[in-house]
Amino acid sequence: MSQSRETEGKRPLTPFVEVQKALKGANYPADKNSLIDAARANGADDDVMKRLDALPEQEYQSPADVSKAVGNE
């Protein structure tokens, strides 16, 4: 039986999903600090918090904007 990529000790395959789950309930447009506050309130893990902390300082119009920015880290 082969292991899934997630169980091979690599990063999760879908960091975008983890970030979006952490941002549930966030109001858009939102700046970086608002996103970090929302993630913290939702109990985001360290990996998600690091990804959000690495985002450029700008206003994000939608969850899709955040996902694009996370992908460009």
PDB file of N, CA and C in Angstrom:
ATOM      1  N   MET A   1       0.835  -1.180   0.000  1.00  0.00           N
ATOM      2  CA  MET A   1       0.000   0.000   0.000  1.00  0.00           C
ATOM      3  C   MET A   1       0.877   1.239   0.000  1.00  0.00           C
ATOM      4  N   SER A   2       0.561   2.203  -0.820  1.00  0.00           N
ATOM      5  CA  SER A   2       1.365   3.426  -0.864  1.00  0.00           C
ATOM      6  C   SER A   2       0.791   4.450   0.106  1.00  0.00           C
ATOM      7  N   GLN A   3       1.670   5.291   0.621  1.00  0.00           N
ATOM      8  CA  GLN A   3       1.240   6.342   1.531  1.00  0.00           C
ATOM      9  C   GLN A   3       0.790   7.550   0.734  1.00  0.00           C
ATOM     10  N   SER A   4      -0.149   8.278   1.287  1.00  0.00           N
ATOM     11  CA  SER A   4      -0.529   9.528   0.640  1.00  0.00           C
ATOM     12  C   SER A   4       0.582  10.543   0.852  1.00  0.00           C
ATOM     13  N   ARG A   5       0.594  11.559   0.052  1.00  0.00           N
ATOM     14  CA  ARG A   5       1.629  12.588   0.189  1.00  0.00           C
ATOM     15  C   ARG A   5       1.576  13.266   1.549  1.00  0.00           C
ATOM     16  N   GLU A   6       0.380  13.395   2.105  1.00  0.00           N
ATOM     17  CA  GLU A   6       0.259  14.060   3.404  1.00  0.00           C
ATOM     18  C   GLU A   6       0.896  13.261   4.524  1.00  0.00           C
ATOM     19  N   THR A   7       0.965  11.952   4.377  1.00  0.00           N
ATOM     20  CA  THR A   7       1.512  11.135   5.452  1.00  0.00           C
ATOM     21  C   THR A   7       2.989  10.833   5.256  1.00  0.00           C
ATOM     22  N   GLU A   8       3.593  11.376   4.224  1.00  0.00           N
ATOM     23  CA  GLU A   8       5.013  11.162   3.976  1.00  0.00           C
ATOM     24  C   GLU A   8       5.878  12.207   4.670  1.00  0.00           C
ATOM     25  N   GLY A   9       5.306  13.028   5.539  1.00  0.00           N
ATOM     26  CA  GLY A   9       6.072  14.028   6.251  1.00  0.00           C
ATOM     27  C   GLY A   9       6.237  15.334   5.493  1.00  0.00           C
ATOM     28  N   LYS A  10       5.548  15.472   4.390  1.00  0.00           N
ATOM     29  CA  LYS A  10       5.616  16.709   3.607  1.00  0.00           C
ATOM     30  C   LYS A  10       4.539  17.668   4.090  1.00  0.00           C
ATOM     31  N   ARG A  11       4.633  18.894   3.619  1.00  0.00           N
ATOM     32  CA  ARG A  11       3.588  19.878   3.935  1.00  0.00           C
ATOM     33  C   ARG A  11       2.256  19.395   3.383  1.00  0.00           C
ATOM     34  N   PRO A  12       1.163  19.827   3.982  1.00  0.00           N
ATOM     35  CA  PRO A  12      -0.144  19.451   3.437  1.00  0.00           C
ATOM     36  C   PRO A  12      -0.254  19.854   1.980  1.00  0.00           C
ATOM     37  N   LEU A  13      -0.983  19.076   1.228  1.00  0.00           N
ATOM     38  CA  LEU A  13      -1.136  19.347  -0.199  1.00  0.00           C
ATOM     39  C   LEU A  13      -1.941  20.612  -0.466  1.00  0.00           C
ATOM     40  N   THR A  14      -2.780  20.988   0.462  1.00  0.00           N
ATOM     41  CA  THR A  14      -3.677  22.111   0.216  1.00  0.00           C
ATOM     42  C   THR A  14      -3.562  23.178   1.302  1.00  0.00           C
ATOM     43  N   PRO A  15      -2.465  23.914   1.326  1.00  0.00           N
ATOM     44  CA  PRO A  15      -2.358  24.987   2.332  1.00  0.00           C
ATOM     45  C   PRO A  15      -3.440  26.038   2.141  1.00  0.00           C
ATOM     46  N   PHE A  16      -3.937  26.170   0.904  1.00  0.00           N
ATOM     47  CA  PHE A  16      -4.973  27.155   0.629  1.00  0.00           C
ATOM     48  C   PHE A  16      -6.238  26.825   1.417  1.00  0.00           C
ATOM     49  N   VAL A  17      -6.565  25.535   1.479  1.00  0.00           N
ATOM     50  CA  VAL A  17      -7.757  25.109   2.209  1.00  0.00           C
ATOM     51  C   VAL A  17      -7.579  25.380   3.702  1.00  0.00           C
ATOM     52  N   GLU A  18      -6.401  25.073   4.223  1.00  0.00           N
ATOM     53  CA  GLU A  18      -6.138  25.321   5.648  1.00  0.00           C
ATOM     54  C   GLU A  18      -6.240  26.810   5.970  1.00  0.00           C
ATOM     55  N   VAL A  19      -5.690  27.650   5.096  1.00  0.00           N
ATOM     56  CA  VAL A  19      -5.758  29.102   5.310  1.00  0.00           C
ATOM     57  C   VAL A  19      -7.211  29.566   5.251  1.00  0.00           C
ATOM     58  N   GLN A  20      -7.955  29.088   4.267  1.00  0.00           N
ATOM     59  CA  GLN A  20      -9.351  29.532   4.146  1.00  0.00           C
ATOM     60  C   GLN A  20     -10.193  29.064   5.327  1.00  0.00           C
ATOM     61  N   LYS A  21      -9.927  27.866   5.831  1.00  0.00           N
ATOM     62  CA  LYS A  21     -10.647  27.400   7.024  1.00  0.00           C
ATOM     63  C   LYS A  21     -10.340  28.320   8.205  1.00  0.00           C
ATOM     64  N   ALA A  22      -9.099  28.742   8.321  1.00  0.00           N
ATOM     65  CA  ALA A  22      -8.704  29.624   9.424  1.00  0.00           C
ATOM     66  C   ALA A  22      -9.337  31.009   9.279  1.00  0.00           C
ATOM     67  N   LEU A  23      -9.681  31.392   8.063  1.00  0.00           N
ATOM     68  CA  LEU A  23     -10.245  32.720   7.819  1.00  0.00           C
ATOM     69  C   LEU A  23     -11.771  32.717   7.751  1.00  0.00           C
ATOM     70  N   LYS A  24     -12.371  31.611   8.161  1.00  0.00           N
ATOM     71  CA  LYS A  24     -13.836  31.526   8.144  1.00  0.00           C
ATOM     72  C   LYS A  24     -14.432  32.696   8.923  1.00  0.00           C
ATOM     73  N   GLY A  25     -15.359  33.382   8.295  1.00  0.00           N
ATOM     74  CA  GLY A  25     -16.021  34.506   8.945  1.00  0.00           C
ATOM     75  C   GLY A  25     -15.328  35.848   8.757  1.00  0.00           C
ATOM     76  N   ALA A  26     -14.172  35.855   8.088  1.00  0.00           N
ATOM     77  CA  ALA A  26     -13.468  37.119   7.845  1.00  0.00           C
ATOM     78  C   ALA A  26     -14.290  37.989   6.906  1.00  0.00           C
ATOM     79  N   ASN A  27     -14.257  39.284   7.146  1.00  0.00           N
ATOM     80  CA  ASN A  27     -14.964  40.234   6.291  1.00  0.00           C
ATOM     81  C   ASN A  27     -13.993  40.815   5.268  1.00  0.00           C
ATOM     82  N   TYR A  28     -14.428  40.853   4.029  1.00  0.00           N
ATOM     83  CA  TYR A  28     -13.615  41.407   2.946  1.00  0.00           C
ATOM     84  C   TYR A  28     -14.275  42.660   2.418  1.00  0.00           C
ATOM     85  N   PRO A  29     -13.498  43.621   1.915  1.00  0.00           N
ATOM     86  CA  PRO A  29     -12.039  43.624   1.861  1.00  0.00           C
ATOM     87  C   PRO A  29     -11.427  43.642   3.264  1.00  0.00           C
ATOM     88  N   ALA A  30     -10.211  43.081   3.347  1.00  0.00           N
ATOM     89  CA  ALA A  30      -9.521  42.982   4.627  1.00  0.00           C
ATOM     90  C   ALA A  30      -8.035  43.217   4.430  1.00  0.00           C
ATOM     91  N   ASP A  31      -7.421  43.883   5.398  1.00  0.00           N
ATOM     92  CA  ASP A  31      -5.971  44.044   5.332  1.00  0.00           C
ATOM     93  C   ASP A  31      -5.309  42.847   6.024  1.00  0.00           C
ATOM     94  N   LYS A  32      -4.008  42.778   5.908  1.00  0.00           N
ATOM     95  CA  LYS A  32      -3.246  41.661   6.460  1.00  0.00           C
ATOM     96  C   LYS A  32      -3.510  41.486   7.960  1.00  0.00           C
ATOM     97  N   ASN A  33      -3.503  42.563   8.709  1.00  0.00           N
ATOM     98  CA  ASN A  33      -3.701  42.468  10.157  1.00  0.00           C
ATOM     99  C   ASN A  33      -5.083  41.932  10.515  1.00  0.00           C
ATOM    100  N   SER A  34      -6.091  42.313   9.756  1.00  0.00           N
ATOM    101  CA  SER A  34      -7.442  41.803   9.994  1.00  0.00           C
ATOM    102  C   SER A  34      -7.508  40.304   9.728  1.00  0.00           C
ATOM    103  N   LEU A  35      -6.810  39.854   8.688  1.00  0.00           N
ATOM    104  CA  LEU A  35      -6.787  38.428   8.381  1.00  0.00           C
ATOM    105  C   LEU A  35      -6.086  37.646   9.489  1.00  0.00           C
ATOM    106  N   ILE A  36      -4.978  38.188   9.978  1.00  0.00           N
ATOM    107  CA  ILE A  36      -4.247  37.533  11.065  1.00  0.00           C
ATOM    108  C   ILE A  36      -5.116  37.467  12.318  1.00  0.00           C
ATOM    109  N   ASP A  37      -5.822  38.538  12.616  1.00  0.00           N
ATOM    110  CA  ASP A  37      -6.718  38.552  13.785  1.00  0.00           C
ATOM    111  C   ASP A  37      -7.824  37.501  13.639  1.00  0.00           C
ATOM    112  N   ALA A  38      -8.403  37.390  12.446  1.00  0.00           N
ATOM    113  CA  ALA A  38      -9.468  36.408  12.208  1.00  0.00           C
ATOM    114  C   ALA A  38      -8.934  34.991  12.371  1.00  0.00           C
ATOM    115  N   ALA A  39      -7.751  34.734  11.826  1.00  0.00           N
ATOM    116  CA  ALA A  39      -7.163  33.399  11.923  1.00  0.00           C
ATOM    117  C   ALA A  39      -6.862  33.053  13.379  1.00  0.00           C
ATOM    118  N   ARG A  40      -6.327  34.008  14.116  1.00  0.00           N
ATOM    119  CA  ARG A  40      -6.020  33.781  15.530  1.00  0.00           C
ATOM    120  C   ARG A  40      -7.301  33.464  16.304  1.00  0.00           C
ATOM    121  N   ALA A  41      -8.371  34.210  16.021  1.00  0.00           N
ATOM    122  CA  ALA A  41      -9.652  33.987  16.697  1.00  0.00           C
ATOM    123  C   ALA A  41     -10.227  32.608  16.366  1.00  0.00           C
ATOM    124  N   ASN A  42      -9.891  32.089  15.195  1.00  0.00           N
ATOM    125  CA  ASN A  42     -10.372  30.769  14.777  1.00  0.00           C
ATOM    126  C   ASN A  42      -9.429  29.646  15.200  1.00  0.00           C
ATOM    127  N   GLY A  43      -8.376  29.970  15.940  1.00  0.00           N
ATOM    128  CA  GLY A  43      -7.474  28.939  16.435  1.00  0.00           C
ATOM    129  C   GLY A  43      -6.543  28.358  15.390  1.00  0.00           C
ATOM    130  N   ALA A  44      -6.114  29.184  14.433  1.00  0.00           N
ATOM    131  CA  ALA A  44      -5.233  28.706  13.359  1.00  0.00           C
ATOM    132  C   ALA A  44      -3.928  28.141  13.917  1.00  0.00           C
ATOM    133  N   ASP A  45      -3.405  27.125  13.228  1.00  0.00           N
ATOM    134  CA  ASP A  45      -2.145  26.529  13.670  1.00  0.00           C
ATOM    135  C   ASP A  45      -0.954  27.398  13.252  1.00  0.00           C
ATOM    136  N   ASP A  46       0.223  27.031  13.719  1.00  0.00           N
ATOM    137  CA  ASP A  46       1.434  27.828  13.459  1.00  0.00           C
ATOM    138  C   ASP A  46       1.743  27.968  11.978  1.00  0.00           C
ATOM    139  N   ASP A  47       1.529  26.906  11.202  1.00  0.00           N
ATOM    140  CA  ASP A  47       1.828  26.964   9.770  1.00  0.00           C
ATOM    141  C   ASP A  47       0.964  28.021   9.086  1.00  0.00           C
ATOM    142  N   VAL A  48      -0.311  28.024   9.396  1.00  0.00           N
ATOM    143  CA  VAL A  48      -1.223  29.013   8.809  1.00  0.00           C
ATOM    144  C   VAL A  48      -0.830  30.420   9.245  1.00  0.00           C
ATOM    145  N   MET A  49      -0.507  30.587  10.517  1.00  0.00           N
ATOM    146  CA  MET A  49      -0.126  31.911  11.002  1.00  0.00           C
ATOM    147  C   MET A  49       1.146  32.396  10.306  1.00  0.00           C
ATOM    148  N   LYS A  50       2.098  31.521  10.076  1.00  0.00           N
ATOM    149  CA  LYS A  50       3.328  31.904   9.363  1.00  0.00           C
ATOM    150  C   LYS A  50       3.019  32.316   7.935  1.00  0.00           C
ATOM    151  N   ARG A  51       2.126  31.583   7.287  1.00  0.00           N
ATOM    152  CA  ARG A  51       1.745  31.930   5.907  1.00  0.00           C
ATOM    153  C   ARG A  51       1.080  33.304   5.853  1.00  0.00           C
ATOM    154  N   LEU A  52       0.201  33.569   6.793  1.00  0.00           N
ATOM    155  CA  LEU A  52      -0.466  34.870   6.811  1.00  0.00           C
ATOM    156  C   LEU A  52       0.507  35.989   7.157  1.00  0.00           C
ATOM    157  N   ASP A  53       1.415  35.721   8.070  1.00  0.00           N
ATOM    158  CA  ASP A  53       2.409  36.720   8.448  1.00  0.00           C
ATOM    159  C   ASP A  53       3.317  37.081   7.268  1.00  0.00           C
ATOM    160  N   ALA A  54       3.509  36.137   6.352  1.00  0.00           N
ATOM    161  CA  ALA A  54       4.375  36.365   5.193  1.00  0.00           C
ATOM    162  C   ALA A  54       3.664  37.103   4.051  1.00  0.00           C
ATOM    163  N   LEU A  55       2.366  37.329   4.187  1.00  0.00           N
ATOM    164  CA  LEU A  55       1.622  38.018   3.124  1.00  0.00           C
ATOM    165  C   LEU A  55       2.094  39.459   2.979  1.00  0.00           C
ATOM    166  N   PRO A  56       2.032  39.976   1.754  1.00  0.00           N
ATOM    167  CA  PRO A  56       2.332  41.395   1.554  1.00  0.00           C
ATOM    168  C   PRO A  56       1.293  42.270   2.264  1.00  0.00           C
ATOM    169  N   GLU A  57       1.753  43.443   2.700  1.00  0.00           N
ATOM    170  CA  GLU A  57       0.851  44.415   3.326  1.00  0.00           C
ATOM    171  C   GLU A  57       0.007  45.038   2.218  1.00  0.00           C
ATOM    172  N   GLN A  58      -1.240  44.617   2.122  1.00  0.00           N
ATOM    173  CA  GLN A  58      -2.158  45.170   1.134  1.00  0.00           C
ATOM    174  C   GLN A  58      -3.575  44.828   1.557  1.00  0.00           C
ATOM    175  N   GLU A  59      -4.529  45.337   0.812  1.00  0.00           N
ATOM    176  CA  GLU A  59      -5.923  45.008   1.076  1.00  0.00           C
ATOM    177  C   GLU A  59      -6.318  43.855   0.161  1.00  0.00           C
ATOM    178  N   TYR A  60      -6.947  42.851   0.751  1.00  0.00           N
ATOM    179  CA  TYR A  60      -7.398  41.671   0.013  1.00  0.00           C
ATOM    180  C   TYR A  60      -8.897  41.779  -0.191  1.00  0.00           C
ATOM    181  N   GLN A  61      -9.314  41.649  -1.448  1.00  0.00           N
ATOM    182  CA  GLN A  61     -10.713  41.846  -1.795  1.00  0.00           C
ATOM    183  C   GLN A  61     -11.572  40.611  -1.570  1.00  0.00           C
ATOM    184  N   SER A  62     -10.941  39.430  -1.525  1.00  0.00           N
ATOM    185  CA  SER A  62     -11.710  38.190  -1.428  1.00  0.00           C
ATOM    186  C   SER A  62     -10.817  37.056  -0.937  1.00  0.00           C
ATOM    187  N   PRO A  63     -11.423  35.938  -0.565  1.00  0.00           N
ATOM    188  CA  PRO A  63     -10.625  34.766  -0.201  1.00  0.00           C
ATOM    189  C   PRO A  63      -9.704  34.317  -1.342  1.00  0.00           C
ATOM    190  N   ALA A  64     -10.147  34.497  -2.574  1.00  0.00           N
ATOM    191  CA  ALA A  64      -9.315  34.125  -3.726  1.00  0.00           C
ATOM    192  C   ALA A  64      -8.040  34.966  -3.763  1.00  0.00           C
ATOM    193  N   ASP A  65      -8.132  36.244  -3.415  1.00  0.00           N
ATOM    194  CA  ASP A  65      -6.935  37.089  -3.360  1.00  0.00           C
ATOM    195  C   ASP A  65      -5.940  36.562  -2.333  1.00  0.00           C
ATOM    196  N   VAL A  66      -6.459  36.117  -1.191  1.00  0.00           N
ATOM    197  CA  VAL A  66      -5.580  35.572  -0.150  1.00  0.00           C
ATOM    198  C   VAL A  66      -4.910  34.291  -0.650  1.00  0.00           C
ATOM    199  N   SER A  67      -5.688  33.425  -1.284  1.00  0.00           N
ATOM    200  CA  SER A  67      -5.125  32.174  -1.806  1.00  0.00           C
ATOM    201  C   SER A  67      -4.027  32.438  -2.836  1.00  0.00           C
ATOM    202  N   LYS A  68      -4.248  33.420  -3.704  1.00  0.00           N
ATOM    203  CA  LYS A  68      -3.217  33.774  -4.690  1.00  0.00           C
ATOM    204  C   LYS A  68      -1.961  34.255  -3.992  1.00  0.00           C
ATOM    205  N   ALA A  69      -2.117  35.081  -2.981  1.00  0.00           N
ATOM    206  CA  ALA A  69      -0.967  35.623  -2.259  1.00  0.00           C
ATOM    207  C   ALA A  69      -0.233  34.523  -1.494  1.00  0.00           C
ATOM    208  N   VAL A  70      -0.955  33.597  -0.902  1.00  0.00           N
ATOM    209  CA  VAL A  70      -0.327  32.478  -0.188  1.00  0.00           C
ATOM    210  C   VAL A  70       0.486  31.649  -1.180  1.00  0.00           C
ATOM    211  N   GLY A  71      -0.020  31.483  -2.375  1.00  0.00           N
ATOM    212  CA  GLY A  71       0.670  30.708  -3.405  1.00  0.00           C
ATOM    213  C   GLY A  71       1.921  31.403  -3.930  1.00  0.00           C
ATOM    214  N   ASN A  72       2.000  32.716  -3.745  1.00  0.00           N
ATOM    215  CA  ASN A  72       3.153  33.477  -4.232  1.00  0.00           C
ATOM    216  C   ASN A  72       4.221  33.702  -3.187  1.00  0.00           C
ATOM    217  N   GLU A  73       4.080  33.106  -2.013  1.00  0.00           N
ATOM    218  CA  GLU A  73       5.069  33.291  -0.939  1.00  0.00           C
ATOM    219  C   GLU A  73       6.440  32.899  -1.425  1.00  0.00           C
TER     220      GLU A  73
END
